[in-house]
PDB file of N, CA and C in Angstrom:
ATOM      1  N   UNK A   1    -288.081 -15.451 139.250  1.00  0.00           N
ATOM      2  CA  UNK A   1    -288.406 -16.616 138.460  1.00  0.00           C
ATOM      3  C   UNK A   1    -289.791 -16.513 137.897  1.00  0.00           C
ATOM      4  N   UNK A   2    -290.103 -17.045 136.810  1.00  0.00           N
ATOM      5  CA  UNK A   2    -291.419 -16.922 136.168  1.00  0.00           C
ATOM      6  C   UNK A   2    -292.428 -17.940 136.755  1.00  0.00           C
ATOM      7  N   UNK A   3    -293.691 -17.711 136.570  1.00  0.00           N
ATOM      8  CA  UNK A   3    -294.698 -18.581 137.132  1.00  0.00           C
ATOM      9  C   UNK A   3    -294.625 -20.083 136.685  1.00  0.00           C
ATOM     10  N   UNK A   4    -294.410 -20.233 135.426  1.00  0.00           N
ATOM     11  CA  UNK A   4    -294.298 -21.597 134.872  1.00  0.00           C
ATOM     12  C   UNK A   4    -293.042 -22.330 135.434  1.00  0.00           C
ATOM     13  N   UNK A   5    -291.923 -21.589 135.479  1.00  0.00           N
ATOM     14  CA  UNK A   5    -290.690 -22.125 136.038  1.00  0.00           C
ATOM     15  C   UNK A   5    -290.895 -22.533 137.494  1.00  0.00           C
ATOM     16  N   UNK A   6    -291.607 -21.699 138.246  1.00  0.00           N
ATOM     17  CA  UNK A   6    -291.872 -22.028 139.666  1.00  0.00           C
ATOM     18  C   UNK A   6    -292.702 -23.311 139.806  1.00  0.00           C
ATOM     19  N   UNK A   7    -293.541 -23.554 138.898  1.00  0.00           N
ATOM     20  CA  UNK A   7    -294.382 -24.790 138.953  1.00  0.00           C
ATOM     21  C   UNK A   7    -293.635 -25.988 138.492  1.00  0.00           C
ATOM     22  N   UNK A   8    -292.750 -25.854 137.478  1.00  0.00           N
ATOM     23  CA  UNK A   8    -292.117 -27.028 136.878  1.00  0.00           C
ATOM     24  C   UNK A   8    -290.804 -27.464 137.419  1.00  0.00           C
ATOM     25  N   UNK A   9    -289.944 -26.537 137.898  1.00  0.00           N
ATOM     26  CA  UNK A   9    -288.623 -26.991 138.363  1.00  0.00           C
ATOM     27  C   UNK A   9    -288.686 -28.001 139.491  1.00  0.00           C
ATOM     28  N   UNK A  10    -287.967 -29.113 139.231  1.00  0.00           N
ATOM     29  CA  UNK A  10    -287.978 -30.201 140.202  1.00  0.00           C
ATOM     30  C   UNK A  10    -289.052 -31.269 139.917  1.00  0.00           C
ATOM     31  N   UNK A  11    -289.914 -31.041 138.926  1.00  0.00           N
ATOM     32  CA  UNK A  11    -290.990 -31.992 138.660  1.00  0.00           C
ATOM     33  C   UNK A  11    -290.516 -33.027 137.584  1.00  0.00           C
ATOM     34  N   UNK A  12    -291.137 -34.157 137.640  1.00  0.00           N
ATOM     35  CA  UNK A  12    -290.820 -35.290 136.724  1.00  0.00           C
ATOM     36  C   UNK A  12    -291.729 -35.214 135.495  1.00  0.00           C
ATOM     37  N   UNK A  13    -291.065 -35.356 134.316  1.00  0.00           N
ATOM     38  CA  UNK A  13    -291.821 -35.508 133.090  1.00  0.00           C
ATOM     39  C   UNK A  13    -292.440 -36.891 133.054  1.00  0.00           C
ATOM     40  N   UNK A  14    -293.738 -36.976 132.759  1.00  0.00           N
ATOM     41  CA  UNK A  14    -294.430 -38.271 132.795  1.00  0.00           C
ATOM     42  C   UNK A  14    -294.872 -38.713 131.377  1.00  0.00           C
ATOM     43  N   UNK A  15    -295.179 -37.787 130.495  1.00  0.00           N
ATOM     44  CA  UNK A  15    -295.646 -38.222 129.179  1.00  0.00           C
ATOM     45  C   UNK A  15    -295.605 -37.021 128.194  1.00  0.00           C
ATOM     46  N   UNK A  16    -295.438 -37.356 126.914  1.00  0.00           N
ATOM     47  CA  UNK A  16    -295.592 -36.402 125.833  1.00  0.00           C
ATOM     48  C   UNK A  16    -296.623 -37.019 124.863  1.00  0.00           C
ATOM     49  N   UNK A  17    -297.612 -36.315 124.595  1.00  0.00           N
ATOM     50  CA  UNK A  17    -298.699 -36.750 123.707  1.00  0.00           C
ATOM     51  C   UNK A  17    -298.812 -35.865 122.517  1.00  0.00           C
ATOM     52  N   UNK A  18    -298.647 -36.383 121.321  1.00  0.00           N
ATOM     53  CA  UNK A  18    -298.698 -35.561 120.129  1.00  0.00           C
ATOM     54  C   UNK A  18    -299.897 -35.970 119.343  1.00  0.00           C
ATOM     55  N   UNK A  19    -300.896 -35.093 119.169  1.00  0.00           N
ATOM     56  CA  UNK A  19    -302.165 -35.393 118.505  1.00  0.00           C
ATOM     57  C   UNK A  19    -302.141 -34.948 117.016  1.00  0.00           C
ATOM     58  N   UNK A  20    -301.634 -33.785 116.771  1.00  0.00           N
ATOM     59  CA  UNK A  20    -301.605 -33.233 115.431  1.00  0.00           C
ATOM     60  C   UNK A  20    -300.421 -32.254 115.360  1.00  0.00           C
ATOM     61  N   UNK A  21    -300.216 -31.651 114.152  1.00  0.00           N
ATOM     62  CA  UNK A  21    -299.033 -30.791 113.953  1.00  0.00           C
ATOM     63  C   UNK A  21    -298.895 -29.734 115.098  1.00  0.00           C
ATOM     64  N   UNK A  22    -299.969 -29.091 115.405  1.00  0.00           N
ATOM     65  CA  UNK A  22    -299.893 -28.051 116.484  1.00  0.00           C
ATOM     66  C   UNK A  22    -300.821 -28.368 117.581  1.00  0.00           C
ATOM     67  N   UNK A  23    -300.689 -29.574 118.113  1.00  0.00           N
ATOM     68  CA  UNK A  23    -301.521 -29.959 119.346  1.00  0.00           C
ATOM     69  C   UNK A  23    -300.716 -31.000 120.084  1.00  0.00           C
ATOM     70  N   UNK A  24    -299.973 -30.513 121.101  1.00  0.00           N
ATOM     71  CA  UNK A  24    -299.120 -31.408 121.897  1.00  0.00           C
ATOM     72  C   UNK A  24    -299.379 -31.205 123.356  1.00  0.00           C
ATOM     73  N   UNK A  25    -299.417 -32.300 124.119  1.00  0.00           N
ATOM     74  CA  UNK A  25    -299.572 -32.258 125.592  1.00  0.00           C
ATOM     75  C   UNK A  25    -298.239 -32.772 126.216  1.00  0.00           C
ATOM     76  N   UNK A  26    -297.749 -32.000 127.162  1.00  0.00           N
ATOM     77  CA  UNK A  26    -296.551 -32.408 127.942  1.00  0.00           C
ATOM     78  C   UNK A  26    -297.016 -32.499 129.360  1.00  0.00           C
ATOM     79  N   UNK A  27    -296.936 -33.734 129.839  1.00  0.00           N
ATOM     80  CA  UNK A  27    -297.488 -34.053 131.188  1.00  0.00           C
ATOM     81  C   UNK A  27    -296.375 -34.201 132.256  1.00  0.00           C
ATOM     82  N   UNK A  28    -296.555 -33.521 133.355  1.00  0.00           N
ATOM     83  CA  UNK A  28    -295.608 -33.629 134.486  1.00  0.00           C
ATOM     84  C   UNK A  28    -296.372 -34.283 135.627  1.00  0.00           C
ATOM     85  N   UNK A  29    -295.696 -34.553 136.731  1.00  0.00           N
ATOM     86  CA  UNK A  29    -296.220 -35.246 137.863  1.00  0.00           C
ATOM     87  C   UNK A  29    -297.481 -34.569 138.492  1.00  0.00           C
ATOM     88  N   UNK A  30    -297.595 -33.256 138.366  1.00  0.00           N
ATOM     89  CA  UNK A  30    -298.734 -32.586 138.967  1.00  0.00           C
ATOM     90  C   UNK A  30    -299.329 -31.495 138.104  1.00  0.00           C
ATOM     91  N   UNK A  31    -299.205 -31.651 136.812  1.00  0.00           N
ATOM     92  CA  UNK A  31    -299.808 -30.670 135.856  1.00  0.00           C
ATOM     93  C   UNK A  31    -299.316 -30.986 134.451  1.00  0.00           C
ATOM     94  N   UNK A  32    -299.628 -30.080 133.581  1.00  0.00           N
ATOM     95  CA  UNK A  32    -299.204 -30.261 132.189  1.00  0.00           C
ATOM     96  C   UNK A  32    -299.328 -29.005 131.378  1.00  0.00           C
ATOM     97  N   UNK A  33    -298.743 -29.078 130.208  1.00  0.00           N
ATOM     98  CA  UNK A  33    -298.728 -27.985 129.244  1.00  0.00           C
ATOM     99  C   UNK A  33    -299.417 -28.490 127.975  1.00  0.00           C
ATOM    100  N   UNK A  34    -300.411 -27.725 127.467  1.00  0.00           N
ATOM    101  CA  UNK A  34    -300.940 -28.028 126.154  1.00  0.00           C
ATOM    102  C   UNK A  34    -300.456 -26.930 125.221  1.00  0.00           C
ATOM    103  N   UNK A  35    -299.798 -27.333 124.153  1.00  0.00           N
ATOM    104  CA  UNK A  35    -299.221 -26.391 123.179  1.00  0.00           C
ATOM    105  C   UNK A  35    -299.896 -26.451 121.806  1.00  0.00           C
ATOM    106  N   UNK A  36    -300.174 -25.309 121.257  1.00  0.00           N
ATOM    107  CA  UNK A  36    -300.715 -25.228 119.918  1.00  0.00           C
ATOM    108  C   UNK A  36    -299.741 -24.611 118.967  1.00  0.00           C
ATOM    109  N   UNK A  37    -298.430 -24.777 119.243  1.00  0.00           N
ATOM    110  CA  UNK A  37    -297.387 -24.239 118.386  1.00  0.00           C
ATOM    111  C   UNK A  37    -296.330 -25.332 118.188  1.00  0.00           C
ATOM    112  N   UNK A  38    -295.295 -25.006 117.498  1.00  0.00           N
ATOM    113  CA  UNK A  38    -294.261 -26.022 117.251  1.00  0.00           C
ATOM    114  C   UNK A  38    -293.562 -26.418 118.592  1.00  0.00           C
ATOM    115  N   UNK A  39    -293.359 -27.745 118.723  1.00  0.00           N
ATOM    116  CA  UNK A  39    -292.664 -28.324 119.900  1.00  0.00           C
ATOM    117  C   UNK A  39    -291.533 -29.156 119.424  1.00  0.00           C
ATOM    118  N   UNK A  40    -290.369 -28.914 119.945  1.00  0.00           N
ATOM    119  CA  UNK A  40    -289.139 -29.750 119.625  1.00  0.00           C
ATOM    120  C   UNK A  40    -288.729 -30.450 120.883  1.00  0.00           C
ATOM    121  N   UNK A  41    -288.527 -31.789 120.749  1.00  0.00           N
ATOM    122  CA  UNK A  41    -288.177 -32.627 121.880  1.00  0.00           C
ATOM    123  C   UNK A  41    -286.802 -33.201 121.617  1.00  0.00           C
ATOM    124  N   UNK A  42    -285.887 -33.038 122.630  1.00  0.00           N
ATOM    125  CA  UNK A  42    -284.545 -33.591 122.599  1.00  0.00           C
ATOM    126  C   UNK A  42    -284.249 -34.162 123.978  1.00  0.00           C
ATOM    127  N   UNK A  43    -284.659 -35.402 124.198  1.00  0.00           N
ATOM    128  CA  UNK A  43    -284.517 -35.993 125.544  1.00  0.00           C
ATOM    129  C   UNK A  43    -283.900 -37.429 125.360  1.00  0.00           C
ATOM    130  N   UNK A  44    -282.961 -37.799 126.263  1.00  0.00           N
ATOM    131  CA  UNK A  44    -282.489 -39.096 126.343  1.00  0.00           C
ATOM    132  C   UNK A  44    -283.067 -39.798 127.545  1.00  0.00           C
ATOM    133  N   UNK A  45    -283.767 -40.923 127.282  1.00  0.00           N
ATOM    134  CA  UNK A  45    -284.422 -41.649 128.367  1.00  0.00           C
ATOM    135  C   UNK A  45    -283.500 -42.751 128.836  1.00  0.00           C
ATOM    136  N   UNK A  46    -283.226 -42.791 130.127  1.00  0.00           N
ATOM    137  CA  UNK A  46    -282.385 -43.793 130.776  1.00  0.00           C
ATOM    138  C   UNK A  46    -283.076 -44.404 131.928  1.00  0.00           C
ATOM    139  N   UNK A  47    -282.389 -44.828 132.939  1.00  0.00           N
ATOM    140  CA  UNK A  47    -282.935 -45.423 134.132  1.00  0.00           C
ATOM    141  C   UNK A  47    -283.483 -44.387 135.114  1.00  0.00           C
ATOM    142  N   UNK A  48    -282.966 -43.164 135.063  1.00  0.00           N
ATOM    143  CA  UNK A  48    -283.412 -42.136 136.034  1.00  0.00           C
ATOM    144  C   UNK A  48    -284.616 -41.372 135.509  1.00  0.00           C
ATOM    145  N   UNK A  49    -285.428 -40.877 136.435  1.00  0.00           N
ATOM    146  CA  UNK A  49    -286.547 -40.051 135.990  1.00  0.00           C
ATOM    147  C   UNK A  49    -286.086 -38.793 135.266  1.00  0.00           C
ATOM    148  N   UNK A  50    -286.885 -38.273 134.368  1.00  0.00           N
ATOM    149  CA  UNK A  50    -286.548 -37.039 133.620  1.00  0.00           C
ATOM    150  C   UNK A  50    -287.104 -35.861 134.428  1.00  0.00           C
ATOM    151  N   UNK A  51    -286.234 -35.074 135.083  1.00  0.00           N
ATOM    152  CA  UNK A  51    -286.596 -34.040 135.991  1.00  0.00           C
ATOM    153  C   UNK A  51    -286.268 -32.639 135.378  1.00  0.00           C
ATOM    154  N   UNK A  52    -287.224 -31.719 135.565  1.00  0.00           N
ATOM    155  CA  UNK A  52    -287.031 -30.346 135.145  1.00  0.00           C
ATOM    156  C   UNK A  52    -285.986 -29.630 135.978  1.00  0.00           C
ATOM    157  N   UNK A  53    -284.960 -29.094 135.314  1.00  0.00           N
ATOM    158  CA  UNK A  53    -283.870 -28.364 135.951  1.00  0.00           C
ATOM    159  C   UNK A  53    -284.001 -26.902 135.840  1.00  0.00           C
ATOM    160  N   UNK A  54    -284.525 -26.424 134.701  1.00  0.00           N
ATOM    161  CA  UNK A  54    -284.607 -24.945 134.501  1.00  0.00           C
ATOM    162  C   UNK A  54    -285.636 -24.645 133.325  1.00  0.00           C
ATOM    163  N   UNK A  55    -286.166 -23.463 133.342  1.00  0.00           N
ATOM    164  CA  UNK A  55    -287.020 -22.980 132.288  1.00  0.00           C
ATOM    165  C   UNK A  55    -286.508 -21.668 131.837  1.00  0.00           C
ATOM    166  N   UNK A  56    -286.188 -21.536 130.537  1.00  0.00           N
ATOM    167  CA  UNK A  56    -285.530 -20.307 129.968  1.00  0.00           C
ATOM    168  C   UNK A  56    -286.456 -19.772 128.875  1.00  0.00           C
ATOM    169  N   UNK A  57    -286.679 -18.462 128.894  1.00  0.00           N
ATOM    170  CA  UNK A  57    -287.557 -17.804 127.934  1.00  0.00           C
ATOM    171  C   UNK A  57    -286.728 -16.944 126.942  1.00  0.00           C
ATOM    172  N   UNK A  58    -287.181 -16.910 125.658  1.00  0.00           N
ATOM    173  CA  UNK A  58    -286.700 -15.996 124.688  1.00  0.00           C
ATOM    174  C   UNK A  58    -287.962 -15.462 124.033  1.00  0.00           C
ATOM    175  N   UNK A  59    -287.786 -14.512 123.099  1.00  0.00           N
ATOM    176  CA  UNK A  59    -288.884 -13.999 122.337  1.00  0.00           C
ATOM    177  C   UNK A  59    -289.602 -15.126 121.565  1.00  0.00           C
ATOM    178  N   UNK A  60    -288.862 -16.097 121.078  1.00  0.00           N
ATOM    179  CA  UNK A  60    -289.419 -17.122 120.230  1.00  0.00           C
ATOM    180  C   UNK A  60    -289.649 -18.468 120.841  1.00  0.00           C
ATOM    181  N   UNK A  61    -289.004 -18.775 121.966  1.00  0.00           N
ATOM    182  CA  UNK A  61    -289.107 -20.108 122.525  1.00  0.00           C
ATOM    183  C   UNK A  61    -289.239 -20.066 124.104  1.00  0.00           C
ATOM    184  N   UNK A  62    -289.910 -21.108 124.591  1.00  0.00           N
ATOM    185  CA  UNK A  62    -289.874 -21.427 126.012  1.00  0.00           C
ATOM    186  C   UNK A  62    -289.107 -22.760 126.067  1.00  0.00           C
ATOM    187  N   UNK A  63    -287.912 -22.830 126.677  1.00  0.00           N
ATOM    188  CA  UNK A  63    -287.140 -24.006 126.652  1.00  0.00           C
ATOM    189  C   UNK A  63    -287.126 -24.607 128.093  1.00  0.00           C
ATOM    190  N   UNK A  64    -287.618 -25.862 128.193  1.00  0.00           N
ATOM    191  CA  UNK A  64    -287.633 -26.572 129.472  1.00  0.00           C
ATOM    192  C   UNK A  64    -286.400 -27.508 129.478  1.00  0.00           C
ATOM    193  N   UNK A  65    -285.483 -27.266 130.411  1.00  0.00           N
ATOM    194  CA  UNK A  65    -284.288 -28.095 130.512  1.00  0.00           C
ATOM    195  C   UNK A  65    -284.493 -29.208 131.500  1.00  0.00           C
ATOM    196  N   UNK A  66    -284.117 -30.390 131.170  1.00  0.00           N
ATOM    197  CA  UNK A  66    -284.186 -31.606 132.051  1.00  0.00           C
ATOM    198  C   UNK A  66    -282.791 -32.040 132.339  1.00  0.00           C
ATOM    199  N   UNK A  67    -282.658 -33.022 133.219  1.00  0.00           N
ATOM    200  CA  UNK A  67    -281.336 -33.648 133.516  1.00  0.00           C
ATOM    201  C   UNK A  67    -280.886 -34.344 132.330  1.00  0.00           C
ATOM    202  N   UNK A  68    -281.732 -34.725 131.321  1.00  0.00           N
ATOM    203  CA  UNK A  68    -281.288 -35.457 130.111  1.00  0.00           C
ATOM    204  C   UNK A  68    -281.840 -34.855 128.853  1.00  0.00           C
ATOM    205  N   UNK A  69    -281.725 -33.561 128.688  1.00  0.00           N
ATOM    206  CA  UNK A  69    -282.159 -32.903 127.406  1.00  0.00           C
ATOM    207  C   UNK A  69    -283.086 -31.737 127.597  1.00  0.00           C
ATOM    208  N   UNK A  70    -283.895 -31.432 126.578  1.00  0.00           N
ATOM    209  CA  UNK A  70    -284.789 -30.328 126.709  1.00  0.00           C
ATOM    210  C   UNK A  70    -286.018 -30.429 125.749  1.00  0.00           C
ATOM    211  N   UNK A  71    -286.998 -29.650 126.052  1.00  0.00           N
ATOM    212  CA  UNK A  71    -288.196 -29.473 125.217  1.00  0.00           C
ATOM    213  C   UNK A  71    -288.298 -28.002 124.921  1.00  0.00           C
ATOM    214  N   UNK A  72    -288.457 -27.622 123.671  1.00  0.00           N
ATOM    215  CA  UNK A  72    -288.630 -26.239 123.222  1.00  0.00           C
ATOM    216  C   UNK A  72    -290.045 -26.047 122.710  1.00  0.00           C
ATOM    217  N   UNK A  73    -290.743 -25.093 123.234  1.00  0.00           N
ATOM    218  CA  UNK A  73    -292.124 -24.727 122.829  1.00  0.00           C
ATOM    219  C   UNK A  73    -292.088 -23.372 122.154  1.00  0.00           C
ATOM    220  N   UNK A  74    -292.538 -23.272 120.908  1.00  0.00           N
ATOM    221  CA  UNK A  74    -292.509 -21.999 120.209  1.00  0.00           C
ATOM    222  C   UNK A  74    -293.479 -21.018 120.892  1.00  0.00           C
ATOM    223  N   UNK A  75    -293.069 -19.745 120.899  1.00  0.00           N
ATOM    224  CA  UNK A  75    -293.950 -18.674 121.425  1.00  0.00           C
ATOM    225  C   UNK A  75    -294.485 -17.868 120.270  1.00  0.00           C
ATOM    226  N   UNK A  76    -294.424 -18.420 119.075  1.00  0.00           N
ATOM    227  CA  UNK A  76    -294.992 -17.761 117.916  1.00  0.00           C
ATOM    228  C   UNK A  76    -296.349 -18.361 117.610  1.00  0.00           C
ATOM    229  N   UNK A  77    -297.442 -17.637 117.766  1.00  0.00           N
ATOM    230  CA  UNK A  77    -298.781 -18.236 117.557  1.00  0.00           C
ATOM    231  C   UNK A  77    -298.930 -18.755 116.168  1.00  0.00           C
ATOM    232  N   UNK A  78    -299.691 -19.869 116.009  1.00  0.00           N
ATOM    233  CA  UNK A  78    -300.061 -20.457 114.735  1.00  0.00           C
ATOM    234  C   UNK A  78    -301.514 -20.190 114.415  1.00  0.00           C
ATOM    235  N   UNK A  79    -301.874 -20.135 113.185  1.00  0.00           N
ATOM    236  CA  UNK A  79    -303.228 -19.964 112.733  1.00  0.00           C
ATOM    237  C   UNK A  79    -303.901 -18.824 113.498  1.00  0.00           C
ATOM    238  N   UNK A  80    -305.132 -19.012 113.893  1.00  0.00           N
ATOM    239  CA  UNK A  80    -305.888 -18.018 114.595  1.00  0.00           C
ATOM    240  C   UNK A  80    -305.846 -18.151 116.123  1.00  0.00           C
ATOM    241  N   UNK A  81    -305.171 -19.198 116.572  1.00  0.00           N
ATOM    242  CA  UNK A  81    -305.088 -19.366 118.025  1.00  0.00           C
ATOM    243  C   UNK A  81    -304.373 -18.164 118.717  1.00  0.00           C
ATOM    244  N   UNK A  82    -304.932 -17.469 119.654  1.00  0.00           N
ATOM    245  CA  UNK A  82    -304.254 -16.403 120.336  1.00  0.00           C
ATOM    246  C   UNK A  82    -303.270 -16.955 121.362  1.00  0.00           C
ATOM    247  N   UNK A  83    -303.445 -18.207 121.823  1.00  0.00           N
ATOM    248  CA  UNK A  83    -302.582 -18.767 122.848  1.00  0.00           C
ATOM    249  C   UNK A  83    -301.535 -19.646 122.182  1.00  0.00           C
ATOM    250  N   UNK A  84    -300.318 -19.588 122.711  1.00  0.00           N
ATOM    251  CA  UNK A  84    -299.268 -20.488 122.276  1.00  0.00           C
ATOM    252  C   UNK A  84    -299.310 -21.796 123.083  1.00  0.00           C
ATOM    253  N   UNK A  85    -299.461 -21.587 124.436  1.00  0.00           N
ATOM    254  CA  UNK A  85    -299.631 -22.781 125.247  1.00  0.00           C
ATOM    255  C   UNK A  85    -300.245 -22.356 126.611  1.00  0.00           C
ATOM    256  N   UNK A  86    -300.772 -23.404 127.319  1.00  0.00           N
ATOM    257  CA  UNK A  86    -301.410 -23.199 128.621  1.00  0.00           C
ATOM    258  C   UNK A  86    -300.805 -24.229 129.597  1.00  0.00           C
ATOM    259  N   UNK A  87    -300.461 -23.789 130.809  1.00  0.00           N
ATOM    260  CA  UNK A  87    -300.067 -24.708 131.866  1.00  0.00           C
ATOM    261  C   UNK A  87    -301.265 -24.873 132.805  1.00  0.00           C
ATOM    262  N   UNK A  88    -301.627 -26.083 133.125  1.00  0.00           N
ATOM    263  CA  UNK A  88    -302.611 -26.348 134.065  1.00  0.00           C
ATOM    264  C   UNK A  88    -302.122 -27.241 135.187  1.00  0.00           C
ATOM    265  N   UNK A  89    -302.583 -27.039 136.426  1.00  0.00           N
ATOM    266  CA  UNK A  89    -302.117 -27.785 137.568  1.00  0.00           C
ATOM    267  C   UNK A  89    -303.211 -28.722 138.081  1.00  0.00           C
ATOM    268  N   UNK A  90    -302.841 -29.993 138.390  1.00  0.00           N
ATOM    269  CA  UNK A  90    -303.836 -30.903 138.910  1.00  0.00           C
ATOM    270  C   UNK A  90    -304.134 -30.570 140.356  1.00  0.00           C
ATOM    271  N   UNK A  91    -303.161 -30.042 141.114  1.00  0.00           N
ATOM    272  CA  UNK A  91    -303.405 -29.716 142.492  1.00  0.00           C
ATOM    273  C   UNK A  91    -304.148 -28.440 142.723  1.00  0.00           C
ATOM    274  N   UNK A  92    -304.127 -27.547 141.679  1.00  0.00           N
ATOM    275  CA  UNK A  92    -304.905 -26.323 141.750  1.00  0.00           C
ATOM    276  C   UNK A  92    -305.654 -26.172 140.447  1.00  0.00           C
ATOM    277  N   UNK A  93    -306.823 -26.832 140.286  1.00  0.00           N
ATOM    278  CA  UNK A  93    -307.532 -26.861 139.064  1.00  0.00           C
ATOM    279  C   UNK A  93    -307.980 -25.546 138.521  1.00  0.00           C
ATOM    280  N   UNK A  94    -308.080 -24.505 139.365  1.00  0.00           N
ATOM    281  CA  UNK A  94    -308.450 -23.196 138.903  1.00  0.00           C
ATOM    282  C   UNK A  94    -307.268 -22.435 138.339  1.00  0.00           C
ATOM    283  N   UNK A  95    -306.063 -22.923 138.552  1.00  0.00           N
ATOM    284  CA  UNK A  95    -304.864 -22.253 138.074  1.00  0.00           C
ATOM    285  C   UNK A  95    -304.558 -22.585 136.641  1.00  0.00           C
ATOM    286  N   UNK A  96    -304.524 -21.612 135.797  1.00  0.00           N
ATOM    287  CA  UNK A  96    -304.110 -21.730 134.384  1.00  0.00           C
ATOM    288  C   UNK A  96    -303.207 -20.587 134.050  1.00  0.00           C
ATOM    289  N   UNK A  97    -302.014 -20.895 133.517  1.00  0.00           N
ATOM    290  CA  UNK A  97    -301.074 -19.927 133.053  1.00  0.00           C
ATOM    291  C   UNK A  97    -300.994 -19.924 131.587  1.00  0.00           C
ATOM    292  N   UNK A  98    -301.346 -18.834 130.913  1.00  0.00           N
ATOM    293  CA  UNK A  98    -301.441 -18.801 129.479  1.00  0.00           C
ATOM    294  C   UNK A  98    -300.283 -17.964 128.905  1.00  0.00           C
ATOM    295  N   UNK A  99    -299.648 -18.513 127.877  1.00  0.00           N
ATOM    296  CA  UNK A  99    -298.586 -17.755 127.190  1.00  0.00           C
ATOM    297  C   UNK A  99    -299.085 -17.442 125.750  1.00  0.00           C
ATOM    298  N   UNK A 100    -299.117 -16.165 125.477  1.00  0.00           N
ATOM    299  CA  UNK A 100    -299.580 -15.671 124.110  1.00  0.00           C
ATOM    300  C   UNK A 100    -298.431 -15.217 123.309  1.00  0.00           C
ATOM    301  N   UNK A 101    -297.174 -15.502 123.677  1.00  0.00           N
ATOM    302  CA  UNK A 101    -296.057 -15.064 122.914  1.00  0.00           C
ATOM    303  C   UNK A 101    -295.689 -13.592 123.101  1.00  0.00           C
ATOM    304  N   UNK A 102    -296.318 -12.939 124.003  1.00  0.00           N
ATOM    305  CA  UNK A 102    -296.070 -11.503 124.255  1.00  0.00           C
ATOM    306  C   UNK A 102    -295.198 -11.397 125.490  1.00  0.00           C
ATOM    307  N   UNK A 103    -294.400 -10.348 125.566  1.00  0.00           N
ATOM    308  CA  UNK A 103    -293.605 -10.141 126.785  1.00  0.00           C
ATOM    309  C   UNK A 103    -294.409  -9.357 127.804  1.00  0.00           C
TER     310      UNK A 103
END
């Protein structure tokens, strides 16, 4: 399993904050992802919490699957940013996992 998958599976989605075209924060119960690439959201909100079930990687996307949909984060860098996205943990502030779109 990948590092981000290990941190996210079983966690609850708490918020999605979109600031600009390539500036999105995806907040989970104990951490979050800041993305500077394209983000596609396909989630149905109901009575139950939105929980991460799986994280799947391809050359172009990181797809986070929930019990009610998914979020896809592009792994293709935009502009001059070398990072596509960063995962940060509230329980381990020194932990940062960076994806640069490279295998």
